[in-house]
């Protein structure tokens, strides 16, 4: 049987839809609340039954660490730590999209208020 782990913070409407879709498709679902995780890098023991993970946590501070841990254990993450970090950094995302030839809105980054005013 196919299995999927979903790490989440709260069950929002989107998670309810994902859970229902898994049930409908016969996917064995492993629901994991991010608050319940203990990532033990010394023991490095598998914390998931599933080898495929979908990260739905709302805590952006935890997401990269959690994904990095499970990726290091060989778990396939649908939303990888690399893609997650890039998408969380809008400037980097804009650079990558622009380099790939995807039309993007004009983007500038300024580190001070004065530089931001000058960039406008």
Protein backbone atom coordinates (compact mmCIF):
# COMPACT_ATOMS: atom_id res chain seq x y z
CA UNK A 1 0.00 0.00 0.00
CA UNK A 2 1.19 3.53 -0.79
CA UNK A 3 1.93 5.70 2.24
CA UNK A 4 2.42 9.40 2.83
CA UNK A 5 3.39 11.36 5.92
CA UNK A 6 1.98 14.84 6.31
CA UNK A 7 3.52 17.13 8.91
CA UNK A 8 1.14 19.87 9.92
CA UNK A 9 0.57 22.50 12.61
CA UNK A 10 -3.21 22.78 12.45
CA UNK A 11 -5.84 21.03 10.42
CA UNK A 12 -6.99 23.78 8.07
CA UNK A 13 -9.41 23.28 5.18
CA UNK A 14 -6.50 22.37 2.87
CA UNK A 15 -5.30 19.63 5.21
CA UNK A 16 -8.84 18.25 5.45
CA UNK A 17 -8.93 18.05 1.65
CA UNK A 18 -5.53 16.33 1.55
CA UNK A 19 -6.58 13.82 4.21
CA UNK A 20 -9.81 13.08 2.35
CA UNK A 21 -7.99 12.67 -0.98
CA UNK A 22 -5.55 10.21 0.57
CA UNK A 23 -8.41 8.18 1.97
CA UNK A 24 -10.24 8.23 -1.36
CA UNK A 25 -7.11 7.09 -3.22
CA UNK A 26 -6.28 4.38 -0.71
CA UNK A 27 -3.08 6.06 0.45
CA UNK A 28 -2.01 5.09 3.95
CA UNK A 29 -1.72 8.44 5.72
CA UNK A 30 0.64 9.18 8.58
CA UNK A 31 -0.46 12.43 10.25
CA UNK A 32 2.29 14.11 12.29
CA UNK A 33 1.79 17.32 14.28
CA UNK A 34 4.95 19.41 14.16
CA UNK A 35 4.65 20.15 17.89
CA UNK A 36 5.03 16.41 18.59
CA UNK A 37 8.27 16.00 16.63
CA UNK A 38 11.57 15.22 18.34
CA UNK A 39 14.39 15.22 15.81
CA UNK A 40 17.19 13.11 17.30
CA UNK A 41 20.29 13.50 15.12
CA UNK A 42 22.46 11.40 17.44
CA UNK A 43 20.24 8.31 17.36
CA UNK A 44 19.28 9.09 13.77
CA UNK A 45 16.42 6.63 14.01
CA UNK A 46 13.55 6.85 11.54
CA UNK A 47 10.68 8.85 12.96
CA UNK A 48 8.30 8.15 10.10
CA UNK A 49 6.85 4.94 8.78
CA UNK A 50 6.44 6.57 5.36
CA UNK A 51 9.24 7.25 2.91
CA UNK A 52 7.38 10.19 1.35
CA UNK A 53 6.69 13.42 3.24
CA UNK A 54 4.55 16.46 2.56
CA UNK A 55 5.42 19.41 4.81
CA UNK A 56 2.35 21.49 5.73
CA UNK A 57 3.65 23.12 8.89
CA UNK A 58 2.76 26.76 9.45
CA UNK A 59 5.88 27.49 11.49
CA UNK A 60 8.40 28.77 8.95
CA UNK A 61 11.20 28.63 11.50
CA UNK A 62 10.80 24.86 11.87
CA UNK A 63 10.26 23.88 8.27
CA UNK A 64 13.85 23.95 6.91
CA UNK A 65 15.23 22.06 9.92
CA UNK A 66 12.48 19.46 9.76
CA UNK A 67 12.90 18.92 6.02
CA UNK A 68 16.69 18.80 6.29
CA UNK A 69 16.43 16.13 9.01
CA UNK A 70 14.08 13.88 7.07
CA UNK A 71 15.97 14.35 3.80
CA UNK A 72 19.14 13.24 5.64
CA UNK A 73 17.28 10.04 6.56
CA UNK A 74 16.47 9.34 2.92
CA UNK A 75 12.82 10.38 3.13
CA UNK A 76 11.56 11.82 -0.16
CA UNK A 77 10.17 15.28 0.59
CA UNK A 78 7.61 16.52 -1.89
CA UNK A 79 8.48 20.10 -1.00
CA UNK A 80 12.27 19.93 -0.57
CA UNK A 81 14.24 22.09 1.81
CA UNK A 82 15.91 23.79 -1.17
CA UNK A 83 12.63 24.73 -2.86
CA UNK A 84 11.07 25.76 0.45
CA UNK A 85 13.96 28.05 1.37
CA UNK A 86 13.99 29.57 -2.10
CA UNK A 87 10.24 30.23 -2.05
CA UNK A 88 10.43 31.74 1.44
CA UNK A 89 13.09 34.18 0.22
CA UNK A 90 11.21 36.30 -2.31
CA UNK A 91 14.34 38.04 -3.58
CA UNK A 92 16.10 34.74 -4.29
CA UNK A 93 12.93 33.35 -5.87
CA UNK A 94 12.78 36.38 -8.16
CA UNK A 95 16.44 35.89 -9.16
CA UNK A 96 15.90 32.21 -9.97
CA UNK A 97 12.70 32.89 -11.93
CA UNK A 98 14.29 35.74 -13.87
CA UNK A 99 17.34 33.62 -14.71
CA UNK A 100 14.98 30.90 -16.00
CA UNK A 101 13.30 33.42 -18.29
CA UNK A 102 10.06 33.63 -16.32
CA UNK A 103 8.47 37.08 -16.40
CA UNK A 104 8.69 38.68 -12.97
CA UNK A 105 7.67 41.98 -11.52
CA UNK A 106 10.47 44.56 -11.22
CA UNK A 107 12.25 43.77 -7.98
CA UNK A 108 14.76 45.81 -6.03
CA UNK A 109 16.27 45.24 -2.61
CA UNK A 110 17.48 48.03 -0.37
CA UNK A 111 19.01 47.65 3.07
CA UNK A 112 18.25 51.08 4.46
CA UNK A 113 15.32 53.48 4.38
CA UNK A 114 17.38 56.01 2.44
CA UNK A 115 18.40 53.43 -0.17
CA UNK A 116 14.77 52.29 -0.50
CA UNK A 117 13.63 55.85 -1.18
CA UNK A 118 16.42 56.28 -3.72
CA UNK A 119 15.44 53.00 -5.43
CA UNK A 120 11.85 54.15 -5.98
